[in-house]
Amino acid sequence: MRNCLREMRKARGLNQAELAERLEISRQTVIAIEADRYDPSLPMAYRMAAFFAVPVEALFFNPWKAD
């Protein structure tokens, strides 16, 4: 699943370890999500969106959605 986690993290001035600590996940998970190698669970996606105060749809993109 495509996402803009890296851009949102950098806009907040956080490194991957700091974001992982705040979200209570591993740094490796943050790295994998940012690289589009891991799709977070729905609860984790909502927790991430809440942290950035955006809707889930602003953080994650549906690859099957027609433009």
PDB file of N, CA and C in Angstrom:
ATOM      1  N   MET A   1       0.850  -1.167   0.000  1.00  0.00           N
ATOM      2  CA  MET A   1       0.000   0.000   0.000  1.00  0.00           C
ATOM      3  C   MET A   1       0.898   1.233   0.000  1.00  0.00           C
ATOM      4  N   ARG A   2       0.664   2.132  -0.895  1.00  0.00           N
ATOM      5  CA  ARG A   2       1.453   3.355  -0.976  1.00  0.00           C
ATOM      6  C   ARG A   2       1.087   4.286   0.175  1.00  0.00           C
ATOM      7  N   ASN A   3       2.058   5.062   0.617  1.00  0.00           N
ATOM      8  CA  ASN A   3       1.810   5.969   1.733  1.00  0.00           C
ATOM      9  C   ASN A   3       2.732   7.172   1.649  1.00  0.00           C
ATOM     10  N   CYS A   4       2.450   8.168   2.463  1.00  0.00           N
ATOM     11  CA  CYS A   4       3.309   9.355   2.536  1.00  0.00           C
ATOM     12  C   CYS A   4       3.848   9.521   3.964  1.00  0.00           C
ATOM     13  N   LEU A   5       4.081   8.398   4.626  1.00  0.00           N
ATOM     14  CA  LEU A   5       4.567   8.421   6.004  1.00  0.00           C
ATOM     15  C   LEU A   5       5.896   9.163   6.115  1.00  0.00           C
ATOM     16  N   ARG A   6       6.830   8.892   5.217  1.00  0.00           N
ATOM     17  CA  ARG A   6       8.146   9.535   5.286  1.00  0.00           C
ATOM     18  C   ARG A   6       8.004  11.055   5.240  1.00  0.00           C
ATOM     19  N   GLU A   7       7.191  11.554   4.318  1.00  0.00           N
ATOM     20  CA  GLU A   7       7.021  13.001   4.179  1.00  0.00           C
ATOM     21  C   GLU A   7       6.390  13.611   5.430  1.00  0.00           C
ATOM     22  N   MET A   8       5.387  12.936   5.976  1.00  0.00           N
ATOM     23  CA  MET A   8       4.733  13.453   7.182  1.00  0.00           C
ATOM     24  C   MET A   8       5.681  13.410   8.386  1.00  0.00           C
ATOM     25  N   ARG A   9       6.458  12.339   8.476  1.00  0.00           N
ATOM     26  CA  ARG A   9       7.425  12.218   9.572  1.00  0.00           C
ATOM     27  C   ARG A   9       8.457  13.337   9.494  1.00  0.00           C
ATOM     28  N   LYS A  10       9.003  13.563   8.307  1.00  0.00           N
ATOM     29  CA  LYS A  10      10.023  14.603   8.140  1.00  0.00           C
ATOM     30  C   LYS A  10       9.449  15.990   8.397  1.00  0.00           C
ATOM     31  N   ALA A  11       8.191  16.204   7.989  1.00  0.00           N
ATOM     32  CA  ALA A  11       7.559  17.513   8.228  1.00  0.00           C
ATOM     33  C   ALA A  11       7.436  17.803   9.722  1.00  0.00           C
ATOM     34  N   ARG A  12       7.334  16.761  10.524  1.00  0.00           N
ATOM     35  CA  ARG A  12       7.275  16.917  11.987  1.00  0.00           C
ATOM     36  C   ARG A  12       8.659  16.988  12.618  1.00  0.00           C
ATOM     37  N   GLY A  13       9.700  16.804  11.807  1.00  0.00           N
ATOM     38  CA  GLY A  13      11.062  16.865  12.323  1.00  0.00           C
ATOM     39  C   GLY A  13      11.453  15.644  13.136  1.00  0.00           C
ATOM     40  N   LEU A  14      10.843  14.496  12.830  1.00  0.00           N
ATOM     41  CA  LEU A  14      11.129  13.257  13.564  1.00  0.00           C
ATOM     42  C   LEU A  14      11.996  12.326  12.733  1.00  0.00           C
ATOM     43  N   ASN A  15      12.869  11.594  13.411  1.00  0.00           N
ATOM     44  CA  ASN A  15      13.558  10.515  12.711  1.00  0.00           C
ATOM     45  C   ASN A  15      12.742   9.232  12.888  1.00  0.00           C
ATOM     46  N   GLN A  16      13.154   8.175  12.226  1.00  0.00           N
ATOM     47  CA  GLN A  16      12.378   6.931  12.266  1.00  0.00           C
ATOM     48  C   GLN A  16      12.273   6.362  13.676  1.00  0.00           C
ATOM     49  N   ALA A  17      13.337   6.438  14.437  1.00  0.00           N
ATOM     50  CA  ALA A  17      13.323   5.908  15.800  1.00  0.00           C
ATOM     51  C   ALA A  17      12.357   6.683  16.692  1.00  0.00           C
ATOM     52  N   GLU A  18      12.345   8.002  16.550  1.00  0.00           N
ATOM     53  CA  GLU A  18      11.440   8.831  17.356  1.00  0.00           C
ATOM     54  C   GLU A  18       9.980   8.530  17.022  1.00  0.00           C
ATOM     55  N   LEU A  19       9.674   8.394  15.725  1.00  0.00           N
ATOM     56  CA  LEU A  19       8.304   8.073  15.335  1.00  0.00           C
ATOM     57  C   LEU A  19       7.913   6.703  15.864  1.00  0.00           C
ATOM     58  N   ALA A  20       8.798   5.742  15.733  1.00  0.00           N
ATOM     59  CA  ALA A  20       8.519   4.390  16.218  1.00  0.00           C
ATOM     60  C   ALA A  20       8.218   4.402  17.717  1.00  0.00           C
ATOM     61  N   GLU A  21       9.003   5.142  18.463  1.00  0.00           N
ATOM     62  CA  GLU A  21       8.789   5.219  19.913  1.00  0.00           C
ATOM     63  C   GLU A  21       7.421   5.827  20.232  1.00  0.00           C
ATOM     64  N   ARG A  22       7.062   6.881  19.539  1.00  0.00           N
ATOM     65  CA  ARG A  22       5.776   7.544  19.808  1.00  0.00           C
ATOM     66  C   ARG A  22       4.589   6.680  19.411  1.00  0.00           C
ATOM     67  N   LEU A  23       4.764   5.859  18.358  1.00  0.00           N
ATOM     68  CA  LEU A  23       3.680   4.987  17.913  1.00  0.00           C
ATOM     69  C   LEU A  23       3.700   3.622  18.599  1.00  0.00           C
ATOM     70  N   GLU A  24       4.741   3.395  19.411  1.00  0.00           N
ATOM     71  CA  GLU A  24       4.920   2.123  20.123  1.00  0.00           C
ATOM     72  C   GLU A  24       5.019   0.946  19.157  1.00  0.00           C
ATOM     73  N   ILE A  25       5.857   1.150  18.113  1.00  0.00           N
ATOM     74  CA  ILE A  25       6.174   0.090  17.156  1.00  0.00           C
ATOM     75  C   ILE A  25       7.685   0.085  16.984  1.00  0.00           C
ATOM     76  N   SER A  26       8.216  -0.872  16.262  1.00  0.00           N
ATOM     77  CA  SER A  26       9.663  -0.932  16.083  1.00  0.00           C
ATOM     78  C   SER A  26      10.116   0.001  14.963  1.00  0.00           C
ATOM     79  N   ARG A  27      11.353   0.401  15.037  1.00  0.00           N
ATOM     80  CA  ARG A  27      11.939   1.232  13.982  1.00  0.00           C
ATOM     81  C   ARG A  27      11.922   0.471  12.662  1.00  0.00           C
ATOM     82  N   GLN A  28      12.146  -0.830  12.713  1.00  0.00           N
ATOM     83  CA  GLN A  28      12.130  -1.654  11.503  1.00  0.00           C
ATOM     84  C   GLN A  28      10.755  -1.623  10.836  1.00  0.00           C
ATOM     85  N   THR A  29       9.697  -1.552  11.634  1.00  0.00           N
ATOM     86  CA  THR A  29       8.344  -1.462  11.085  1.00  0.00           C
ATOM     87  C   THR A  29       8.165  -0.137  10.364  1.00  0.00           C
ATOM     88  N   VAL A  30       8.636   0.950  10.950  1.00  0.00           N
ATOM     89  CA  VAL A  30       8.551   2.257  10.299  1.00  0.00           C
ATOM     90  C   VAL A  30       9.302   2.217   8.969  1.00  0.00           C
ATOM     91  N   ILE A  31      10.499   1.662   8.980  1.00  0.00           N
ATOM     92  CA  ILE A  31      11.303   1.564   7.760  1.00  0.00           C
ATOM     93  C   ILE A  31      10.558   0.778   6.685  1.00  0.00           C
ATOM     94  N   ALA A  32       9.990  -0.354   7.054  1.00  0.00           N
ATOM     95  CA  ALA A  32       9.287  -1.208   6.096  1.00  0.00           C
ATOM     96  C   ALA A  32       8.036  -0.528   5.544  1.00  0.00           C
ATOM     97  N   ILE A  33       7.296   0.177   6.391  1.00  0.00           N
ATOM     98  CA  ILE A  33       6.094   0.878   5.917  1.00  0.00           C
ATOM     99  C   ILE A  33       6.490   1.990   4.957  1.00  0.00           C
ATOM    100  N   GLU A  34       7.502   2.759   5.316  1.00  0.00           N
ATOM    101  CA  GLU A  34       7.940   3.850   4.443  1.00  0.00           C
ATOM    102  C   GLU A  34       8.420   3.340   3.093  1.00  0.00           C
ATOM    103  N   ALA A  35       8.999   2.149   3.057  1.00  0.00           N
ATOM    104  CA  ALA A  35       9.510   1.561   1.810  1.00  0.00           C
ATOM    105  C   ALA A  35       8.437   0.780   1.056  1.00  0.00           C
ATOM    106  N   ASP A  36       7.198   0.822   1.531  1.00  0.00           N
ATOM    107  CA  ASP A  36       6.081   0.079   0.915  1.00  0.00           C
ATOM    108  C   ASP A  36       6.335  -1.433   0.882  1.00  0.00           C
ATOM    109  N   ARG A  37       7.064  -1.934   1.873  1.00  0.00           N
ATOM    110  CA  ARG A  37       7.320  -3.373   1.978  1.00  0.00           C
ATOM    111  C   ARG A  37       6.437  -4.041   3.031  1.00  0.00           C
ATOM    112  N   TYR A  38       5.683  -3.228   3.762  1.00  0.00           N
ATOM    113  CA  TYR A  38       4.835  -3.757   4.824  1.00  0.00           C
ATOM    114  C   TYR A  38       3.582  -2.915   4.906  1.00  0.00           C
ATOM    115  N   ASP A  39       2.432  -3.575   4.914  1.00  0.00           N
ATOM    116  CA  ASP A  39       1.153  -2.887   5.083  1.00  0.00           C
ATOM    117  C   ASP A  39       0.742  -3.008   6.550  1.00  0.00           C
ATOM    118  N   PRO A  40       0.542  -1.878   7.217  1.00  0.00           N
ATOM    119  CA  PRO A  40       0.161  -1.937   8.633  1.00  0.00           C
ATOM    120  C   PRO A  40      -1.249  -2.487   8.803  1.00  0.00           C
ATOM    121  N   SER A  41      -1.520  -2.994   9.978  1.00  0.00           N
ATOM    122  CA  SER A  41      -2.876  -3.424  10.307  1.00  0.00           C
ATOM    123  C   SER A  41      -3.778  -2.196  10.316  1.00  0.00           C
ATOM    124  N   LEU A  42      -5.062  -2.413  10.234  1.00  0.00           N
ATOM    125  CA  LEU A  42      -6.008  -1.300  10.251  1.00  0.00           C
ATOM    126  C   LEU A  42      -5.906  -0.494  11.550  1.00  0.00           C
ATOM    127  N   PRO A  43      -5.836  -1.151  12.723  1.00  0.00           N
ATOM    128  CA  PRO A  43      -5.675  -0.360  13.953  1.00  0.00           C
ATOM    129  C   PRO A  43      -4.384   0.472  13.953  1.00  0.00           C
ATOM    130  N   MET A  44      -3.285  -0.092  13.430  1.00  0.00           N
ATOM    131  CA  MET A  44      -2.036   0.652  13.384  1.00  0.00           C
ATOM    132  C   MET A  44      -2.162   1.827  12.408  1.00  0.00           C
ATOM    133  N   ALA A  45      -2.805   1.623  11.281  1.00  0.00           N
ATOM    134  CA  ALA A  45      -2.994   2.708  10.310  1.00  0.00           C
ATOM    135  C   ALA A  45      -3.795   3.851  10.929  1.00  0.00           C
ATOM    136  N   TYR A  46      -4.845   3.511  11.670  1.00  0.00           N
ATOM    137  CA  TYR A  46      -5.640   4.549  12.333  1.00  0.00           C
ATOM    138  C   TYR A  46      -4.836   5.257  13.425  1.00  0.00           C
ATOM    139  N   ARG A  47      -3.995   4.512  14.137  1.00  0.00           N
ATOM    140  CA  ARG A  47      -3.156   5.128  15.176  1.00  0.00           C
ATOM    141  C   ARG A  47      -2.171   6.103  14.542  1.00  0.00           C
ATOM    142  N   MET A  48      -1.595   5.730  13.401  1.00  0.00           N
ATOM    143  CA  MET A  48      -0.657   6.606  12.696  1.00  0.00           C
ATOM    144  C   MET A  48      -1.370   7.861  12.199  1.00  0.00           C
ATOM    145  N   ALA A  49      -2.539   7.678  11.607  1.00  0.00           N
ATOM    146  CA  ALA A  49      -3.305   8.822  11.117  1.00  0.00           C
ATOM    147  C   ALA A  49      -3.683   9.752  12.264  1.00  0.00           C
ATOM    148  N   ALA A  50      -4.073   9.190  13.388  1.00  0.00           N
ATOM    149  CA  ALA A  50      -4.422  10.013  14.549  1.00  0.00           C
ATOM    150  C   ALA A  50      -3.209  10.790  15.047  1.00  0.00           C
ATOM    151  N   PHE A  51      -2.047  10.156  15.051  1.00  0.00           N
ATOM    152  CA  PHE A  51      -0.826  10.836  15.489  1.00  0.00           C
ATOM    153  C   PHE A  51      -0.565  12.069  14.626  1.00  0.00           C
ATOM    154  N   PHE A  52      -0.754  11.940  13.314  1.00  0.00           N
ATOM    155  CA  PHE A  52      -0.514  13.056  12.401  1.00  0.00           C
ATOM    156  C   PHE A  52      -1.743  13.952  12.225  1.00  0.00           C
ATOM    157  N   ALA A  53      -2.843  13.602  12.891  1.00  0.00           N
ATOM    158  CA  ALA A  53      -4.087  14.376  12.840  1.00  0.00           C
ATOM    159  C   ALA A  53      -4.608  14.530  11.415  1.00  0.00           C
ATOM    160  N   VAL A  54      -4.589  13.408  10.683  1.00  0.00           N
ATOM    161  CA  VAL A  54      -5.113  13.387   9.315  1.00  0.00           C
ATOM    162  C   VAL A  54      -5.993  12.154   9.161  1.00  0.00           C
ATOM    163  N   PRO A  55      -6.887  12.153   8.174  1.00  0.00           N
ATOM    164  CA  PRO A  55      -7.650  10.933   7.915  1.00  0.00           C
ATOM    165  C   PRO A  55      -6.725   9.850   7.354  1.00  0.00           C
ATOM    166  N   VAL A  56      -7.082   8.613   7.547  1.00  0.00           N
ATOM    167  CA  VAL A  56      -6.282   7.495   7.043  1.00  0.00           C
ATOM    168  C   VAL A  56      -6.022   7.652   5.550  1.00  0.00           C
ATOM    169  N   GLU A  57      -7.027   8.137   4.828  1.00  0.00           N
ATOM    170  CA  GLU A  57      -6.903   8.296   3.378  1.00  0.00           C
ATOM    171  C   GLU A  57      -5.852   9.333   2.979  1.00  0.00           C
ATOM    172  N   ALA A  58      -5.491  10.225   3.881  1.00  0.00           N
ATOM    173  CA  ALA A  58      -4.453  11.209   3.599  1.00  0.00           C
ATOM    174  C   ALA A  58      -3.058  10.624   3.798  1.00  0.00           C
ATOM    175  N   LEU A  59      -2.971   9.547   4.540  1.00  0.00           N
ATOM    176  CA  LEU A  59      -1.685   8.910   4.833  1.00  0.00           C
ATOM    177  C   LEU A  59      -1.420   7.717   3.926  1.00  0.00           C
ATOM    178  N   PHE A  60      -2.465   6.952   3.635  1.00  0.00           N
ATOM    179  CA  PHE A  60      -2.346   5.750   2.811  1.00  0.00           C
ATOM    180  C   PHE A  60      -3.201   5.893   1.562  1.00  0.00           C
ATOM    181  N   PHE A  61      -2.684   5.396   0.430  1.00  0.00           N
ATOM    182  CA  PHE A  61      -3.369   5.521  -0.841  1.00  0.00           C
ATOM    183  C   PHE A  61      -3.852   4.163  -1.321  1.00  0.00           C
ATOM    184  N   ASN A  62      -5.072   4.117  -1.785  1.00  0.00           N
ATOM    185  CA  ASN A  62      -5.660   2.886  -2.321  1.00  0.00           C
ATOM    186  C   ASN A  62      -5.117   2.645  -3.723  1.00  0.00           C
ATOM    187  N   PRO A  63      -4.328   1.589  -3.928  1.00  0.00           N
ATOM    188  CA  PRO A  63      -3.739   1.359  -5.259  1.00  0.00           C
ATOM    189  C   PRO A  63      -4.761   0.906  -6.296  1.00  0.00           C
ATOM    190  N   TRP A  64      -5.941   0.501  -5.872  1.00  0.00           N
ATOM    191  CA  TRP A  64      -6.954   0.042  -6.815  1.00  0.00           C
ATOM    192  C   TRP A  64      -8.009   1.096  -7.115  1.00  0.00           C
ATOM    193  N   LYS A  65      -7.899   2.253  -6.497  1.00  0.00           N
ATOM    194  CA  LYS A  65      -8.877   3.308  -6.710  1.00  0.00           C
ATOM    195  C   LYS A  65      -8.680   3.917  -8.099  1.00  0.00           C
ATOM    196  N   ALA A  66      -9.766   4.043  -8.830  1.00  0.00           N
ATOM    197  CA  ALA A  66      -9.709   4.657 -10.150  1.00  0.00           C
ATOM    198  C   ALA A  66      -9.503   6.167 -10.000  1.00  0.00           C
ATOM    199  N   ASP A  67      -8.674   6.729 -10.828  1.00  0.00           N
ATOM    200  CA  ASP A  67      -8.424   8.183 -10.771  1.00  0.00           C
ATOM    201  C   ASP A  67      -9.533   8.972 -11.407  1.00  0.00           C
TER     202      ASP A  67
END
